[in-house]
Amino acid sequence: MPRDPHRSRRIEGELQRVVSELLRREVRDPRVGSVTITDVRVAPDLTSAKVFYARFDEQRDAAEVQAGLERVAGFLRGQVGRALKLRVAPELFFRPDEQLAAGMRLTSLIDSAVADDERRHSEDAPSAPESTRPSPKD
């Protein structure tokens, strides 16, 4: 029997909401710190889920945050199963969201290229002497 893709999408959305809420309210591990869940991808058989996250505390070591999330994954799995009333709660695998970091890096590169182009344009623009400038009447 084929899996219902709409059900998978609904479960992904609910997983994202519930895991975010649990991380905010229930998880006391200081290694986790301030993270947000950016995306969830559930396996077709609903036995596992990749949970993508972004960390906002850049001073906290990425490996430390990952270790903290892996440590609380079992607790979160039980809580998610109860909250979503699933017969079998998916096993949670946490992954850093590389797309967010790549997007921020591209934005930074674009901003610096635009600023560099504007700087070059203002340096290269010849300033016309007053006598050769067209008058407003022309």
Protein backbone atom coordinates (compact mmCIF):
# COMPACT_ATOMS: atom_id res chain seq x y z
CA MET A 1 0.00 0.00 0.00
CA PRO A 2 1.55 3.36 -1.02
CA ARG A 3 2.26 5.93 1.67
CA ASP A 4 0.18 9.09 1.83
CA PRO A 5 2.55 12.01 1.03
CA HIS A 6 0.09 14.48 2.53
CA ARG A 7 0.21 12.64 5.85
CA SER A 8 4.01 12.75 5.81
CA ARG A 9 3.94 16.52 5.23
CA ARG A 10 1.45 17.02 8.06
CA ILE A 11 3.57 14.94 10.41
CA GLU A 12 6.70 16.89 9.40
CA GLY A 13 4.99 20.17 10.21
CA GLU A 14 3.69 18.89 13.54
CA LEU A 15 7.09 17.41 14.39
CA GLN A 16 8.74 20.76 13.72
CA ARG A 17 6.25 22.56 15.93
CA VAL A 18 6.39 20.05 18.80
CA VAL A 19 10.18 19.65 18.82
CA SER A 20 10.63 23.43 18.76
CA GLU A 21 8.27 23.82 21.68
CA LEU A 22 9.89 20.99 23.65
CA LEU A 23 13.37 22.41 23.10
CA ARG A 24 12.20 25.77 24.35
CA ARG A 25 10.19 24.57 27.35
CA GLU A 26 11.52 21.20 28.50
CA VAL A 27 15.19 20.80 27.54
CA ARG A 28 17.54 22.05 30.23
CA ASP A 29 20.82 20.86 28.69
CA PRO A 30 23.09 23.95 28.66
CA ARG A 31 24.92 22.65 25.58
CA VAL A 32 21.81 23.02 23.42
CA GLY A 33 21.44 26.73 24.07
CA SER A 34 19.48 28.75 21.57
CA VAL A 35 18.53 26.70 18.51
CA THR A 36 15.58 26.85 16.18
CA ILE A 37 14.18 24.01 14.12
CA THR A 38 14.23 25.03 10.46
CA ASP A 39 12.98 21.87 8.76
CA VAL A 40 11.98 18.25 9.37
CA ARG A 41 12.14 15.40 6.83
CA VAL A 42 10.39 12.14 7.71
CA ALA A 43 11.33 8.81 6.14
CA PRO A 44 8.59 7.26 3.96
CA ASP A 45 7.94 4.57 6.58
CA LEU A 46 7.77 7.23 9.35
CA THR A 47 10.34 5.41 11.52
CA SER A 48 12.95 8.16 11.43
CA ALA A 49 13.13 11.90 10.94
CA LYS A 50 15.95 14.29 10.14
CA VAL A 51 15.52 17.44 12.18
CA PHE A 52 17.42 20.42 10.76
CA TYR A 53 18.35 23.21 13.14
CA ALA A 54 20.10 26.57 13.18
CA ARG A 55 21.98 27.81 16.21
CA PHE A 56 21.88 31.47 17.10
CA ASP A 57 24.54 31.45 19.79
CA GLU A 58 27.60 31.58 17.54
CA GLN A 59 29.92 31.52 20.55
CA ARG A 60 28.73 28.03 21.44
CA ASP A 61 30.72 25.24 19.75
CA ALA A 62 28.77 23.50 16.95
CA ALA A 63 29.95 20.04 18.07
CA GLU A 64 28.82 20.82 21.62
CA VAL A 65 25.33 21.80 20.42
CA GLN A 66 25.14 18.64 18.28
CA ALA A 67 26.16 16.47 21.26
CA GLY A 68 23.51 18.13 23.43
CA LEU A 69 20.79 17.53 20.84
CA GLU A 70 21.83 13.90 20.38
CA ARG A 71 21.70 13.47 24.15
CA VAL A 72 18.07 14.67 24.40
CA ALA A 73 16.87 12.91 21.22
CA GLY A 74 15.44 9.92 23.12
CA PHE A 75 13.54 12.14 25.54
CA LEU A 76 12.17 14.20 22.65
CA ARG A 77 11.14 11.05 20.76
CA GLY A 78 8.99 9.90 23.67
CA GLN A 79 7.44 13.32 24.11
CA VAL A 80 6.74 13.64 20.37
CA GLY A 81 5.06 10.22 20.27
CA ARG A 82 2.76 11.20 23.13
CA ALA A 83 2.03 14.68 21.75
CA LEU A 84 1.22 13.47 18.24
CA LYS A 85 -0.45 10.21 19.40
CA LEU A 86 1.71 8.13 17.06
CA ARG A 87 1.83 4.36 17.49
CA VAL A 88 5.56 4.43 16.71
CA ALA A 89 7.38 7.72 17.22
CA PRO A 90 10.11 8.38 14.66
CA GLU A 91 13.73 8.26 15.75
CA LEU A 92 15.11 11.81 15.64
CA PHE A 93 18.41 12.62 13.95
CA PHE A 94 19.58 16.21 14.34
CA ARG A 95 21.49 17.92 11.52
CA PRO A 96 22.74 21.51 11.29
CA ASP A 97 20.95 23.47 8.57
CA GLU A 98 23.70 24.27 6.09
CA GLN A 99 21.33 26.14 3.76
CA LEU A 100 20.85 28.93 6.27
CA ALA A 101 24.60 29.41 6.71
CA ALA A 102 25.15 29.26 2.94
CA GLY A 103 22.40 31.83 2.36
CA MET A 104 23.89 34.19 4.92
CA ARG A 105 27.34 33.76 3.33
CA LEU A 106 25.93 34.52 -0.14
CA THR A 107 24.10 37.57 1.16
CA SER A 108 27.32 38.82 2.69
CA LEU A 109 29.21 38.26 -0.58
CA ILE A 110 26.54 40.06 -2.59
CA ASP A 111 26.52 43.00 -0.17
CA SER A 112 30.30 43.35 -0.33
CA ALA A 113 30.29 43.09 -4.14
CA VAL A 114 27.62 45.81 -4.42
CA ALA A 115 29.52 48.07 -2.02
CA ASP A 116 32.76 47.46 -3.93
CA ASP A 117 31.04 48.22 -7.25
CA GLU A 118 29.55 51.45 -5.89
CA ARG A 119 32.95 52.48 -4.54
CA ARG A 120 34.61 51.82 -7.91
CA HIS A 121 31.86 53.63 -9.77
CA SER A 122 32.20 56.72 -7.59
CA GLU A 123 36.02 56.69 -8.00
CA ASP A 124 35.89 56.25 -11.79
CA ALA A 125 33.22 58.84 -12.46
CA PRO A 126 34.95 61.86 -14.00
CA SER A 127 33.87 65.12 -12.51
CA ALA A 128 33.00 67.49 -15.34
CA PRO A 129 34.19 71.09 -15.05
CA GLU A 130 31.49 73.67 -14.45
CA SER A 131 31.84 75.19 -17.93
CA THR A 132 31.17 71.92 -19.79
CA ARG A 133 28.16 70.85 -17.73
CA PRO A 134 24.87 71.42 -19.54
CA SER A 135 22.72 74.16 -18.15
CA PRO A 136 19.25 73.32 -16.88
CA LYS A 137 17.79 75.25 -19.84
CA ASP A 138 19.32 72.91 -22.44
